[in-house]
Amino acid sequence: MEAGTVVDSHYGHSALYKVAFQVGGFYSYNIFEYIACGLPVICSYEQGGDNIGYVGDYNFGATVPPEDADALVNAILPVLTDGLYFTEDFVKRARWILRELDVTWDALVDQVEVLCQSATGLAH
């Protein structure tokens, strides 16, 4: 089984996937997996690094203010019921946009390496 198929299969069983983001951290890269698998993302727009901007900029889901539980609750149902999401067209559009933006592993690997080195205190 190809890696993409495993990820698609794993996320494909969910209508909603919650991930705790860390400021400036690694988890903001996860949004690309969710988006590429056709899942919309709901996240805080001030946490998780610059990658979160893609969610609002390209209508990949919803962004909410950090630590605003009411905003999060109010974002979930509209995303789950919006006909834009959970369709083949959404998946195709999302993957096309990610390719156009060069959001690929090859393009991100250096950024991830710097994050790992920073987290462990190792210099390149």
PDB file of N, CA and C in Angstrom:
ATOM      1  N   MET A   1       0.838  -1.166   0.000  1.00  0.00           N
ATOM      2  CA  MET A   1       0.000   0.000   0.000  1.00  0.00           C
ATOM      3  C   MET A   1       0.891   1.241   0.000  1.00  0.00           C
ATOM      4  N   GLU A   2       0.587   2.219  -0.820  1.00  0.00           N
ATOM      5  CA  GLU A   2       1.361   3.446  -0.881  1.00  0.00           C
ATOM      6  C   GLU A   2       1.084   4.297   0.352  1.00  0.00           C
ATOM      7  N   ALA A   3       2.067   5.121   0.729  1.00  0.00           N
ATOM      8  CA  ALA A   3       1.923   5.958   1.922  1.00  0.00           C
ATOM      9  C   ALA A   3       0.689   6.843   1.832  1.00  0.00           C
ATOM     10  N   GLY A   4       0.441   7.459   0.681  1.00  0.00           N
ATOM     11  CA  GLY A   4      -0.724   8.319   0.520  1.00  0.00           C
ATOM     12  C   GLY A   4      -2.023   7.578   0.737  1.00  0.00           C
ATOM     13  N   THR A   5      -2.051   6.321   0.338  1.00  0.00           N
ATOM     14  CA  THR A   5      -3.250   5.505   0.512  1.00  0.00           C
ATOM     15  C   THR A   5      -3.502   5.239   1.985  1.00  0.00           C
ATOM     16  N   VAL A   6      -2.440   4.994   2.756  1.00  0.00           N
ATOM     17  CA  VAL A   6      -2.578   4.757   4.188  1.00  0.00           C
ATOM     18  C   VAL A   6      -3.117   6.008   4.871  1.00  0.00           C
ATOM     19  N   VAL A   7      -2.563   7.166   4.536  1.00  0.00           N
ATOM     20  CA  VAL A   7      -3.024   8.415   5.130  1.00  0.00           C
ATOM     21  C   VAL A   7      -4.465   8.686   4.737  1.00  0.00           C
ATOM     22  N   ASP A   8      -4.795   8.528   3.439  1.00  0.00           N
ATOM     23  CA  ASP A   8      -6.174   8.714   2.980  1.00  0.00           C
ATOM     24  C   ASP A   8      -7.119   7.814   3.754  1.00  0.00           C
ATOM     25  N   SER A   9      -6.728   6.556   3.929  1.00  0.00           N
ATOM     26  CA  SER A   9      -7.568   5.589   4.612  1.00  0.00           C
ATOM     27  C   SER A   9      -7.766   5.983   6.071  1.00  0.00           C
ATOM     28  N   HIS A  10      -6.704   6.392   6.730  1.00  0.00           N
ATOM     29  CA  HIS A  10      -6.765   6.774   8.143  1.00  0.00           C
ATOM     30  C   HIS A  10      -7.681   7.971   8.347  1.00  0.00           C
ATOM     31  N   TYR A  11      -7.472   9.039   7.606  1.00  0.00           N
ATOM     32  CA  TYR A  11      -8.274  10.243   7.769  1.00  0.00           C
ATOM     33  C   TYR A  11      -9.647  10.095   7.137  1.00  0.00           C
ATOM     34  N   GLY A  12      -9.779   9.219   6.180  1.00  0.00           N
ATOM     35  CA  GLY A  12     -11.042   9.035   5.480  1.00  0.00           C
ATOM     36  C   GLY A  12     -12.160   8.512   6.356  1.00  0.00           C
ATOM     37  N   HIS A  13     -11.826   7.998   7.529  1.00  0.00           N
ATOM     38  CA  HIS A  13     -12.839   7.484   8.443  1.00  0.00           C
ATOM     39  C   HIS A  13     -13.369   8.568   9.373  1.00  0.00           C
ATOM     40  N   SER A  14     -12.912   9.790   9.195  1.00  0.00           N
ATOM     41  CA  SER A  14     -13.288  10.877  10.090  1.00  0.00           C
ATOM     42  C   SER A  14     -13.971  12.000   9.321  1.00  0.00           C
ATOM     43  N   ALA A  15     -14.964  12.595   9.952  1.00  0.00           N
ATOM     44  CA  ALA A  15     -15.557  13.814   9.414  1.00  0.00           C
ATOM     45  C   ALA A  15     -14.890  15.018  10.054  1.00  0.00           C
ATOM     46  N   LEU A  16     -14.293  14.797  11.217  1.00  0.00           N
ATOM     47  CA  LEU A  16     -13.644  15.865  11.947  1.00  0.00           C
ATOM     48  C   LEU A  16     -12.413  15.276  12.630  1.00  0.00           C
ATOM     49  N   TYR A  17     -11.320  15.987  12.553  1.00  0.00           N
ATOM     50  CA  TYR A  17     -10.074  15.502  13.139  1.00  0.00           C
ATOM     51  C   TYR A  17      -9.492  16.627  13.952  1.00  0.00           C
ATOM     52  N   LYS A  18      -9.342  16.446  15.255  1.00  0.00           N
ATOM     53  CA  LYS A  18      -8.853  17.483  16.153  1.00  0.00           C
ATOM     54  C   LYS A  18      -7.378  17.234  16.449  1.00  0.00           C
ATOM     55  N   VAL A  19      -6.593  18.292  16.305  1.00  0.00           N
ATOM     56  CA  VAL A  19      -5.170  18.206  16.599  1.00  0.00           C
ATOM     57  C   VAL A  19      -4.794  19.414  17.441  1.00  0.00           C
ATOM     58  N   ALA A  20      -4.024  19.194  18.471  1.00  0.00           N
ATOM     59  CA  ALA A  20      -3.517  20.304  19.284  1.00  0.00           C
ATOM     60  C   ALA A  20      -2.282  20.874  18.605  1.00  0.00           C
ATOM     61  N   PHE A  21      -2.322  22.153  18.285  1.00  0.00           N
ATOM     62  CA  PHE A  21      -1.186  22.805  17.649  1.00  0.00           C
ATOM     63  C   PHE A  21      -0.263  23.367  18.712  1.00  0.00           C
ATOM     64  N   GLN A  22       1.006  23.426  18.397  1.00  0.00           N
ATOM     65  CA  GLN A  22       1.981  24.069  19.254  1.00  0.00           C
ATOM     66  C   GLN A  22       2.488  25.305  18.546  1.00  0.00           C
ATOM     67  N   VAL A  23       2.685  26.357  19.289  1.00  0.00           N
ATOM     68  CA  VAL A  23       3.172  27.596  18.703  1.00  0.00           C
ATOM     69  C   VAL A  23       4.513  27.341  18.036  1.00  0.00           C
ATOM     70  N   GLY A  24       4.620  27.778  16.782  1.00  0.00           N
ATOM     71  CA  GLY A  24       5.857  27.634  16.033  1.00  0.00           C
ATOM     72  C   GLY A  24       6.270  26.195  15.839  1.00  0.00           C
ATOM     73  N   GLY A  25       5.328  25.289  15.940  1.00  0.00           N
ATOM     74  CA  GLY A  25       5.707  23.894  16.023  1.00  0.00           C
ATOM     75  C   GLY A  25       5.456  23.060  14.798  1.00  0.00           C
ATOM     76  N   PHE A  26       5.716  21.801  15.015  1.00  0.00           N
ATOM     77  CA  PHE A  26       5.679  20.809  13.970  1.00  0.00           C
ATOM     78  C   PHE A  26       4.266  20.510  13.493  1.00  0.00           C
ATOM     79  N   TYR A  27       3.293  20.629  14.366  1.00  0.00           N
ATOM     80  CA  TYR A  27       1.955  20.171  14.060  1.00  0.00           C
ATOM     81  C   TYR A  27       1.282  20.969  12.950  1.00  0.00           C
ATOM     82  N   SER A  28       1.748  22.181  12.689  1.00  0.00           N
ATOM     83  CA  SER A  28       1.108  22.957  11.631  1.00  0.00           C
ATOM     84  C   SER A  28       1.318  22.307  10.271  1.00  0.00           C
ATOM     85  N   TYR A  29       2.294  21.427  10.152  1.00  0.00           N
ATOM     86  CA  TYR A  29       2.495  20.712   8.892  1.00  0.00           C
ATOM     87  C   TYR A  29       1.413  19.651   8.676  1.00  0.00           C
ATOM     88  N   ASN A  30       0.792  19.204   9.749  1.00  0.00           N
ATOM     89  CA  ASN A  30      -0.275  18.207   9.631  1.00  0.00           C
ATOM     90  C   ASN A  30      -1.451  18.711   8.809  1.00  0.00           C
ATOM     91  N   ILE A  31      -1.674  20.013   8.809  1.00  0.00           N
ATOM     92  CA  ILE A  31      -2.828  20.515   8.062  1.00  0.00           C
ATOM     93  C   ILE A  31      -2.734  20.142   6.593  1.00  0.00           C
ATOM     94  N   PHE A  32      -1.518  20.045   6.070  1.00  0.00           N
ATOM     95  CA  PHE A  32      -1.359  19.680   4.663  1.00  0.00           C
ATOM     96  C   PHE A  32      -1.825  18.248   4.420  1.00  0.00           C
ATOM     97  N   GLU A  33      -1.603  17.351   5.377  1.00  0.00           N
ATOM     98  CA  GLU A  33      -2.092  15.975   5.248  1.00  0.00           C
ATOM     99  C   GLU A  33      -3.613  15.964   5.203  1.00  0.00           C
ATOM    100  N   TYR A  34      -4.237  16.680   6.134  1.00  0.00           N
ATOM    101  CA  TYR A  34      -5.694  16.691   6.198  1.00  0.00           C
ATOM    102  C   TYR A  34      -6.289  17.262   4.917  1.00  0.00           C
ATOM    103  N   ILE A  35      -5.730  18.397   4.488  1.00  0.00           N
ATOM    104  CA  ILE A  35      -6.243  19.055   3.288  1.00  0.00           C
ATOM    105  C   ILE A  35      -6.069  18.168   2.065  1.00  0.00           C
ATOM    106  N   ALA A  36      -4.894  17.555   1.916  1.00  0.00           N
ATOM    107  CA  ALA A  36      -4.639  16.687   0.767  1.00  0.00           C
ATOM    108  C   ALA A  36      -5.550  15.466   0.771  1.00  0.00           C
ATOM    109  N   CYS A  37      -6.008  15.074   1.953  1.00  0.00           N
ATOM    110  CA  CYS A  37      -6.920  13.928   2.048  1.00  0.00           C
ATOM    111  C   CYS A  37      -8.385  14.352   1.928  1.00  0.00           C
ATOM    112  N   GLY A  38      -8.613  15.641   1.720  1.00  0.00           N
ATOM    113  CA  GLY A  38      -9.974  16.109   1.507  1.00  0.00           C
ATOM    114  C   GLY A  38     -10.726  16.480   2.760  1.00  0.00           C
ATOM    115  N   LEU A  39     -10.021  16.658   3.859  1.00  0.00           N
ATOM    116  CA  LEU A  39     -10.683  17.061   5.092  1.00  0.00           C
ATOM    117  C   LEU A  39     -10.516  18.557   5.320  1.00  0.00           C
ATOM    118  N   PRO A  40     -11.600  19.258   5.626  1.00  0.00           N
ATOM    119  CA  PRO A  40     -11.460  20.658   5.994  1.00  0.00           C
ATOM    120  C   PRO A  40     -10.803  20.767   7.367  1.00  0.00           C
ATOM    121  N   VAL A  41     -10.223  21.909   7.644  1.00  0.00           N
ATOM    122  CA  VAL A  41      -9.488  22.137   8.888  1.00  0.00           C
ATOM    123  C   VAL A  41     -10.150  23.282   9.650  1.00  0.00           C
ATOM    124  N   ILE A  42     -10.290  23.106  10.947  1.00  0.00           N
ATOM    125  CA  ILE A  42     -10.703  24.191  11.833  1.00  0.00           C
ATOM    126  C   ILE A  42      -9.570  24.368  12.826  1.00  0.00           C
ATOM    127  N   CYS A  43      -9.006  25.575  12.876  1.00  0.00           N
ATOM    128  CA  CYS A  43      -7.844  25.784  13.734  1.00  0.00           C
ATOM    129  C   CYS A  43      -7.774  27.227  14.202  1.00  0.00           C
ATOM    130  N   SER A  44      -6.931  27.438  15.189  1.00  0.00           N
ATOM    131  CA  SER A  44      -6.667  28.781  15.678  1.00  0.00           C
ATOM    132  C   SER A  44      -5.780  29.486  14.674  1.00  0.00           C
ATOM    133  N   TYR A  45      -6.101  30.724  14.354  1.00  0.00           N
ATOM    134  CA  TYR A  45      -5.324  31.418  13.344  1.00  0.00           C
ATOM    135  C   TYR A  45      -4.073  32.075  13.895  1.00  0.00           C
ATOM    136  N   GLU A  46      -3.871  32.072  15.193  1.00  0.00           N
ATOM    137  CA  GLU A  46      -2.675  32.692  15.747  1.00  0.00           C
ATOM    138  C   GLU A  46      -1.678  31.677  16.274  1.00  0.00           C
ATOM    139  N   GLN A  47      -1.969  30.402  16.136  1.00  0.00           N
ATOM    140  CA  GLN A  47      -1.061  29.386  16.631  1.00  0.00           C
ATOM    141  C   GLN A  47      -0.722  28.413  15.515  1.00  0.00           C
ATOM    142  N   GLY A  48       0.416  27.759  15.647  1.00  0.00           N
ATOM    143  CA  GLY A  48       0.758  26.688  14.735  1.00  0.00           C
ATOM    144  C   GLY A  48       1.592  27.108  13.546  1.00  0.00           C
ATOM    145  N   GLY A  49       2.069  28.316  13.517  1.00  0.00           N
ATOM    146  CA  GLY A  49       2.965  28.716  12.448  1.00  0.00           C
ATOM    147  C   GLY A  49       2.242  29.314  11.248  1.00  0.00           C
ATOM    148  N   ASP A  50       3.017  29.703  10.264  1.00  0.00           N
ATOM    149  CA  ASP A  50       2.503  30.369   9.069  1.00  0.00           C
ATOM    150  C   ASP A  50       1.603  29.476   8.223  1.00  0.00           C
ATOM    151  N   ASN A  51       1.728  28.182   8.355  1.00  0.00           N
ATOM    152  CA  ASN A  51       0.947  27.262   7.528  1.00  0.00           C
ATOM    153  C   ASN A  51      -0.558  27.393   7.753  1.00  0.00           C
ATOM    154  N   ILE A  52      -0.952  27.890   8.922  1.00  0.00           N
ATOM    155  CA  ILE A  52      -2.367  28.032   9.243  1.00  0.00           C
ATOM    156  C   ILE A  52      -3.037  29.019   8.288  1.00  0.00           C
ATOM    157  N   GLY A  53      -2.290  29.970   7.769  1.00  0.00           N
ATOM    158  CA  GLY A  53      -2.848  30.949   6.843  1.00  0.00           C
ATOM    159  C   GLY A  53      -3.496  30.326   5.629  1.00  0.00           C
ATOM    160  N   TYR A  54      -3.012  29.169   5.211  1.00  0.00           N
ATOM    161  CA  TYR A  54      -3.593  28.492   4.053  1.00  0.00           C
ATOM    162  C   TYR A  54      -5.063  28.140   4.270  1.00  0.00           C
ATOM    163  N   VAL A  55      -5.439  27.840   5.503  1.00  0.00           N
ATOM    164  CA  VAL A  55      -6.814  27.420   5.791  1.00  0.00           C
ATOM    165  C   VAL A  55      -7.797  28.522   5.425  1.00  0.00           C
ATOM    166  N   GLY A  56      -7.547  29.722   5.899  1.00  0.00           N
ATOM    167  CA  GLY A  56      -8.441  30.835   5.599  1.00  0.00           C
ATOM    168  C   GLY A  56      -8.258  31.387   4.201  1.00  0.00           C
ATOM    169  N   ASP A  57      -7.002  31.473   3.757  1.00  0.00           N
ATOM    170  CA  ASP A  57      -6.721  32.070   2.449  1.00  0.00           C
ATOM    171  C   ASP A  57      -7.335  31.292   1.296  1.00  0.00           C
ATOM    172  N   TYR A  58      -7.422  29.982   1.425  1.00  0.00           N
ATOM    173  CA  TYR A  58      -7.907  29.133   0.330  1.00  0.00           C
ATOM    174  C   TYR A  58      -9.194  28.389   0.676  1.00  0.00           C
ATOM    175  N   ASN A  59      -9.862  28.833   1.738  1.00  0.00           N
ATOM    176  CA  ASN A  59     -11.138  28.257   2.149  1.00  0.00           C
ATOM    177  C   ASN A  59     -11.054  26.741   2.324  1.00  0.00           C
ATOM    178  N   PHE A  60     -10.041  26.330   3.082  1.00  0.00           N
ATOM    179  CA  PHE A  60      -9.866  24.913   3.405  1.00  0.00           C
ATOM    180  C   PHE A  60     -10.565  24.548   4.716  1.00  0.00           C
ATOM    181  N   GLY A  61     -11.363  25.432   5.236  1.00  0.00           N
ATOM    182  CA  GLY A  61     -12.049  25.199   6.501  1.00  0.00           C
ATOM    183  C   GLY A  61     -12.293  26.517   7.191  1.00  0.00           C
ATOM    184  N   ALA A  62     -12.049  26.572   8.498  1.00  0.00           N
ATOM    185  CA  ALA A  62     -12.302  27.790   9.260  1.00  0.00           C
ATOM    186  C   ALA A  62     -11.169  28.029  10.248  1.00  0.00           C
ATOM    187  N   THR A  63     -10.905  29.297  10.497  1.00  0.00           N
ATOM    188  CA  THR A  63      -9.962  29.670  11.537  1.00  0.00           C
ATOM    189  C   THR A  63     -10.724  30.431  12.613  1.00  0.00           C
ATOM    190  N   VAL A  64     -10.315  30.240  13.853  1.00  0.00           N
ATOM    191  CA  VAL A  64     -10.971  30.870  14.989  1.00  0.00           C
ATOM    192  C   VAL A  64      -9.909  31.500  15.885  1.00  0.00           C
ATOM    193  N   PRO A  65     -10.310  32.493  16.688  1.00  0.00           N
ATOM    194  CA  PRO A  65      -9.349  33.080  17.617  1.00  0.00           C
ATOM    195  C   PRO A  65      -8.887  32.035  18.647  1.00  0.00           C
ATOM    196  N   PRO A  66      -7.633  32.115  19.047  1.00  0.00           N
ATOM    197  CA  PRO A  66      -7.137  31.149  20.032  1.00  0.00           C
ATOM    198  C   PRO A  66      -7.883  31.287  21.358  1.00  0.00           C
ATOM    199  N   GLU A  67      -8.096  30.164  21.992  1.00  0.00           N
ATOM    200  CA  GLU A  67      -8.722  30.090  23.312  1.00  0.00           C
ATOM    201  C   GLU A  67     -10.137  30.669  23.332  1.00  0.00           C
ATOM    202  N   ASP A  68     -10.818  30.653  22.198  1.00  0.00           N
ATOM    203  CA  ASP A  68     -12.212  31.107  22.118  1.00  0.00           C
ATOM    204  C   ASP A  68     -13.082  29.891  21.829  1.00  0.00           C
ATOM    205  N   ALA A  69     -13.510  29.250  22.902  1.00  0.00           N
ATOM    206  CA  ALA A  69     -14.289  28.012  22.776  1.00  0.00           C
ATOM    207  C   ALA A  69     -15.587  28.236  22.018  1.00  0.00           C
ATOM    208  N   ASP A  70     -16.233  29.377  22.234  1.00  0.00           N
ATOM    209  CA  ASP A  70     -17.493  29.654  21.537  1.00  0.00           C
ATOM    210  C   ASP A  70     -17.273  29.749  20.030  1.00  0.00           C
ATOM    211  N   ALA A  71     -16.193  30.402  19.620  1.00  0.00           N
ATOM    212  CA  ALA A  71     -15.890  30.508  18.181  1.00  0.00           C
ATOM    213  C   ALA A  71     -15.628  29.138  17.587  1.00  0.00           C
ATOM    214  N   LEU A  72     -14.933  28.286  18.331  1.00  0.00           N
ATOM    215  CA  LEU A  72     -14.672  26.928  17.851  1.00  0.00           C
ATOM    216  C   LEU A  72     -15.975  26.159  17.681  1.00  0.00           C
ATOM    217  N   VAL A  73     -16.813  26.206  18.701  1.00  0.00           N
ATOM    218  CA  VAL A  73     -18.106  25.514  18.633  1.00  0.00           C
ATOM    219  C   VAL A  73     -18.922  26.038  17.450  1.00  0.00           C
ATOM    220  N   ASN A  74     -18.930  27.342  17.264  1.00  0.00           N
ATOM    221  CA  ASN A  74     -19.715  27.939  16.182  1.00  0.00           C
ATOM    222  C   ASN A  74     -19.126  27.675  14.798  1.00  0.00           C
ATOM    223  N   ALA A  75     -17.876  27.268  14.715  1.00  0.00           N
ATOM    224  CA  ALA A  75     -17.250  26.969  13.420  1.00  0.00           C
ATOM    225  C   ALA A  75     -17.474  25.518  12.990  1.00  0.00           C
ATOM    226  N   ILE A  76     -17.646  24.631  13.944  1.00  0.00           N
ATOM    227  CA  ILE A  76     -17.701  23.194  13.630  1.00  0.00           C
ATOM    228  C   ILE A  76     -18.906  22.842  12.771  1.00  0.00           C
ATOM    229  N   LEU A  77     -20.098  23.174  13.196  1.00  0.00           N
ATOM    230  CA  LEU A  77     -21.299  22.771  12.455  1.00  0.00           C
ATOM    231  C   LEU A  77     -21.335  23.345  11.040  1.00  0.00           C
ATOM    232  N   PRO A  78     -21.036  24.629  10.847  1.00  0.00           N
ATOM    233  CA  PRO A  78     -21.034  25.146   9.468  1.00  0.00           C
ATOM    234  C   PRO A  78     -20.058  24.403   8.548  1.00  0.00           C
ATOM    235  N   VAL A  79     -18.900  24.059   9.070  1.00  0.00           N
ATOM    236  CA  VAL A  79     -17.936  23.331   8.232  1.00  0.00           C
ATOM    237  C   VAL A  79     -18.460  21.928   7.925  1.00  0.00           C
ATOM    238  N   LEU A  80     -19.017  21.269   8.933  1.00  0.00           N
ATOM    239  CA  LEU A  80     -19.531  19.910   8.719  1.00  0.00           C
ATOM    240  C   LEU A  80     -20.718  19.860   7.769  1.00  0.00           C
ATOM    241  N   THR A  81     -21.492  20.940   7.698  1.00  0.00           N
ATOM    242  CA  THR A  81     -22.704  20.927   6.878  1.00  0.00           C
ATOM    243  C   THR A  81     -22.575  21.700   5.566  1.00  0.00           C
ATOM    244  N   ASP A  82     -21.463  22.383   5.363  1.00  0.00           N
ATOM    245  CA  ASP A  82     -21.261  23.160   4.135  1.00  0.00           C
ATOM    246  C   ASP A  82     -21.046  22.197   2.969  1.00  0.00           C
ATOM    247  N   GLY A  83     -21.818  22.370   1.921  1.00  0.00           N
ATOM    248  CA  GLY A  83     -21.713  21.505   0.748  1.00  0.00           C
ATOM    249  C   GLY A  83     -20.397  21.628  -0.002  1.00  0.00           C
ATOM    250  N   LEU A  84     -19.601  22.638   0.305  1.00  0.00           N
ATOM    251  CA  LEU A  84     -18.306  22.817  -0.335  1.00  0.00           C
ATOM    252  C   LEU A  84     -17.322  21.726   0.072  1.00  0.00           C
ATOM    253  N   TYR A  85     -17.415  21.293   1.306  1.00  0.00           N
ATOM    254  CA  TYR A  85     -16.461  20.321   1.841  1.00  0.00           C
ATOM    255  C   TYR A  85     -16.964  18.891   1.651  1.00  0.00           C
ATOM    256  N   PHE A  86     -16.085  17.934   1.849  1.00  0.00           N
ATOM    257  CA  PHE A  86     -16.398  16.509   1.785  1.00  0.00           C
ATOM    258  C   PHE A  86     -16.911  16.091   0.412  1.00  0.00           C
ATOM    259  N   THR A  87     -16.356  16.702  -0.621  1.00  0.00           N
ATOM    260  CA  THR A  87     -16.722  16.340  -1.989  1.00  0.00           C
ATOM    261  C   THR A  87     -15.463  16.044  -2.783  1.00  0.00           C
ATOM    262  N   GLU A  88     -15.623  15.357  -3.877  1.00  0.00           N
ATOM    263  CA  GLU A  88     -14.485  15.102  -4.763  1.00  0.00           C
ATOM    264  C   GLU A  88     -13.923  16.410  -5.313  1.00  0.00           C
ATOM    265  N   ASP A  89     -14.798  17.374  -5.577  1.00  0.00           N
ATOM    266  CA  ASP A  89     -14.332  18.671  -6.064  1.00  0.00           C
ATOM    267  C   ASP A  89     -13.436  19.366  -5.045  1.00  0.00           C
ATOM    268  N   PHE A  90     -13.797  19.277  -3.760  1.00  0.00           N
ATOM    269  CA  PHE A  90     -12.958  19.868  -2.717  1.00  0.00           C
ATOM    270  C   PHE A  90     -11.587  19.205  -2.696  1.00  0.00           C
ATOM    271  N   VAL A  91     -11.570  17.886  -2.763  1.00  0.00           N
ATOM    272  CA  VAL A  91     -10.302  17.149  -2.744  1.00  0.00           C
ATOM    273  C   VAL A  91      -9.438  17.551  -3.942  1.00  0.00           C
ATOM    274  N   LYS A  92     -10.040  17.570  -5.122  1.00  0.00           N
ATOM    275  CA  LYS A  92      -9.289  17.938  -6.328  1.00  0.00           C
ATOM    276  C   LYS A  92      -8.763  19.362  -6.240  1.00  0.00           C
ATOM    277  N   ARG A  93      -9.617  20.296  -5.802  1.00  0.00           N
ATOM    278  CA  ARG A  93      -9.212  21.698  -5.683  1.00  0.00           C
ATOM    279  C   ARG A  93      -8.097  21.843  -4.653  1.00  0.00           C
ATOM    280  N   ALA A  94      -8.241  21.191  -3.510  1.00  0.00           N
ATOM    281  CA  ALA A  94      -7.240  21.287  -2.448  1.00  0.00           C
ATOM    282  C   ALA A  94      -5.888  20.755  -2.917  1.00  0.00           C
ATOM    283  N   ARG A  95      -5.895  19.599  -3.535  1.00  0.00           N
ATOM    284  CA  ARG A  95      -4.636  19.020  -4.009  1.00  0.00           C
ATOM    285  C   ARG A  95      -4.013  19.869  -5.106  1.00  0.00           C
ATOM    286  N   TRP A  96      -4.843  20.425  -5.990  1.00  0.00           N
ATOM    287  CA  TRP A  96      -4.324  21.280  -7.052  1.00  0.00           C
ATOM    288  C   TRP A  96      -3.663  22.517  -6.455  1.00  0.00           C
ATOM    289  N   ILE A  97      -4.332  23.152  -5.474  1.00  0.00           N
ATOM    290  CA  ILE A  97      -3.781  24.349  -4.841  1.00  0.00           C
ATOM    291  C   ILE A  97      -2.474  24.018  -4.118  1.00  0.00           C
ATOM    292  N   LEU A  98      -2.441  22.927  -3.385  1.00  0.00           N
ATOM    293  CA  LEU A  98      -1.210  22.554  -2.676  1.00  0.00           C
ATOM    294  C   LEU A  98      -0.054  22.328  -3.648  1.00  0.00           C
ATOM    295  N   ARG A  99      -0.347  21.695  -4.800  1.00  0.00           N
ATOM    296  CA  ARG A  99       0.707  21.510  -5.816  1.00  0.00           C
ATOM    297  C   ARG A  99       1.152  22.847  -6.391  1.00  0.00           C
ATOM    298  N   GLU A 100       0.200  23.730  -6.691  1.00  0.00           N
ATOM    299  CA  GLU A 100       0.533  25.040  -7.248  1.00  0.00           C
ATOM    300  C   GLU A 100       1.376  25.870  -6.277  1.00  0.00           C
ATOM    301  N   LEU A 101       1.095  25.725  -4.989  1.00  0.00           N
ATOM    302  CA  LEU A 101       1.847  26.460  -3.970  1.00  0.00           C
ATOM    303  C   LEU A 101       3.161  25.764  -3.619  1.00  0.00           C
ATOM    304  N   ASP A 102       3.405  24.627  -4.250  1.00  0.00           N
ATOM    305  CA  ASP A 102       4.588  23.807  -3.987  1.00  0.00           C
ATOM    306  C   ASP A 102       4.658  23.380  -2.522  1.00  0.00           C
ATOM    307  N   VAL A 103       3.500  23.021  -1.985  1.00  0.00           N
ATOM    308  CA  VAL A 103       3.428  22.480  -0.640  1.00  0.00           C
ATOM    309  C   VAL A 103       3.558  20.964  -0.776  1.00  0.00           C
ATOM    310  N   THR A 104       4.792  20.551  -0.989  1.00  0.00           N
ATOM    311  CA  THR A 104       5.114  19.133  -1.149  1.00  0.00           C
ATOM    312  C   THR A 104       6.182  18.781  -0.129  1.00  0.00           C
ATOM    313  N   TRP A 105       6.356  17.503   0.116  1.00  0.00           N
ATOM    314  CA  TRP A 105       7.386  17.087   1.056  1.00  0.00           C
ATOM    315  C   TRP A 105       8.748  17.596   0.616  1.00  0.00           C
ATOM    316  N   ASP A 106       9.049  17.510  -0.650  1.00  0.00           N
ATOM    317  CA  ASP A 106      10.351  17.982  -1.131  1.00  0.00           C
ATOM    318  C   ASP A 106      10.553  19.463  -0.827  1.00  0.00           C
ATOM    319  N   ALA A 107       9.491  20.242  -0.933  1.00  0.00           N
ATOM    320  CA  ALA A 107       9.599  21.673  -0.676  1.00  0.00           C
ATOM    321  C   ALA A 107       9.681  21.989   0.819  1.00  0.00           C
ATOM    322  N   LEU A 108       9.118  21.138   1.660  1.00  0.00           N
ATOM    323  CA  LEU A 108       9.049  21.406   3.095  1.00  0.00           C
ATOM    324  C   LEU A 108      10.132  20.739   3.923  1.00  0.00           C
ATOM    325  N   VAL A 109      10.841  19.793   3.342  1.00  0.00           N
ATOM    326  CA  VAL A 109      11.776  18.997   4.128  1.00  0.00           C
ATOM    327  C   VAL A 109      12.840  19.848   4.820  1.00  0.00           C
ATOM    328  N   ASP A 110      13.337  20.870   4.175  1.00  0.00           N
ATOM    329  CA  ASP A 110      14.345  21.723   4.810  1.00  0.00           C
ATOM    330  C   ASP A 110      13.763  22.472   6.006  1.00  0.00           C
ATOM    331  N   GLN A 111      12.527  22.937   5.877  1.00  0.00           N
ATOM    332  CA  GLN A 111      11.872  23.617   6.997  1.00  0.00           C
ATOM    333  C   GLN A 111      11.697  22.679   8.184  1.00  0.00           C
ATOM    334  N   VAL A 112      11.291  21.456   7.911  1.00  0.00           N
ATOM    335  CA  VAL A 112      11.100  20.474   8.982  1.00  0.00           C
ATOM    336  C   VAL A 112      12.438  20.148   9.640  1.00  0.00           C
ATOM    337  N   GLU A 113      13.489  20.031   8.850  1.00  0.00           N
ATOM    338  CA  GLU A 113      14.815  19.757   9.403  1.00  0.00           C
ATOM    339  C   GLU A 113      15.251  20.870  10.358  1.00  0.00           C
ATOM    340  N   VAL A 114      15.023  22.119   9.975  1.00  0.00           N
ATOM    341  CA  VAL A 114      15.381  23.253  10.835  1.00  0.00           C
ATOM    342  C   VAL A 114      14.576  23.203  12.133  1.00  0.00           C
ATOM    343  N   LEU A 115      13.287  22.889  12.050  1.00  0.00           N
ATOM    344  CA  LEU A 115      12.463  22.762  13.254  1.00  0.00           C
ATOM    345  C   LEU A 115      12.988  21.664  14.175  1.00  0.00           C
ATOM    346  N   CYS A 116      13.341  20.540  13.604  1.00  0.00           N
ATOM    347  CA  CYS A 116      13.859  19.425  14.402  1.00  0.00           C
ATOM    348  C   CYS A 116      15.167  19.805  15.079  1.00  0.00           C
ATOM    349  N   GLN A 117      16.055  20.439  14.345  1.00  0.00           N
ATOM    350  CA  GLN A 117      17.333  20.857  14.915  1.00  0.00           C
ATOM    351  C   GLN A 117      17.117  21.888  16.025  1.00  0.00           C
ATOM    352  N   SER A 118      16.204  22.799  15.792  1.00  0.00           N
ATOM    353  CA  SER A 118      15.889  23.822  16.786  1.00  0.00           C
ATOM    354  C   SER A 118      15.334  23.190  18.064  1.00  0.00           C
ATOM    355  N   ALA A 119      14.463  22.209  17.906  1.00  0.00           N
ATOM    356  CA  ALA A 119      13.825  21.562  19.049  1.00  0.00           C
ATOM    357  C   ALA A 119      14.818  20.745  19.870  1.00  0.00           C
ATOM    358  N   THR A 120      15.811  20.205  19.202  1.00  0.00           N
ATOM    359  CA  THR A 120      16.791  19.370  19.902  1.00  0.00           C
ATOM    360  C   THR A 120      18.054  20.126  20.289  1.00  0.00           C
ATOM    361  N   GLY A 121      18.150  21.390  19.862  1.00  0.00           N
ATOM    362  CA  GLY A 121      19.326  22.187  20.162  1.00  0.00           C
ATOM    363  C   GLY A 121      20.540  21.871  19.319  1.00  0.00           C
ATOM    364  N   LEU A 122      20.349  21.108  18.244  1.00  0.00           N
ATOM    365  CA  LEU A 122      21.455  20.751  17.375  1.00  0.00           C
ATOM    366  C   LEU A 122      21.584  21.772  16.248  1.00  0.00           C
ATOM    367  N   ALA A 123      22.789  22.103  15.923  1.00  0.00           N
ATOM    368  CA  ALA A 123      23.027  23.013  14.796  1.00  0.00           C
ATOM    369  C   ALA A 123      23.447  22.195  13.591  1.00  0.00           C
ATOM    370  N   HIS A 124      23.136  22.698  12.431  1.00  0.00           N
ATOM    371  CA  HIS A 124      23.494  22.001  11.190  1.00  0.00           C
ATOM    372  C   HIS A 124      24.910  22.308  10.827  1.00  0.00           C
TER     373      HIS A 124
END
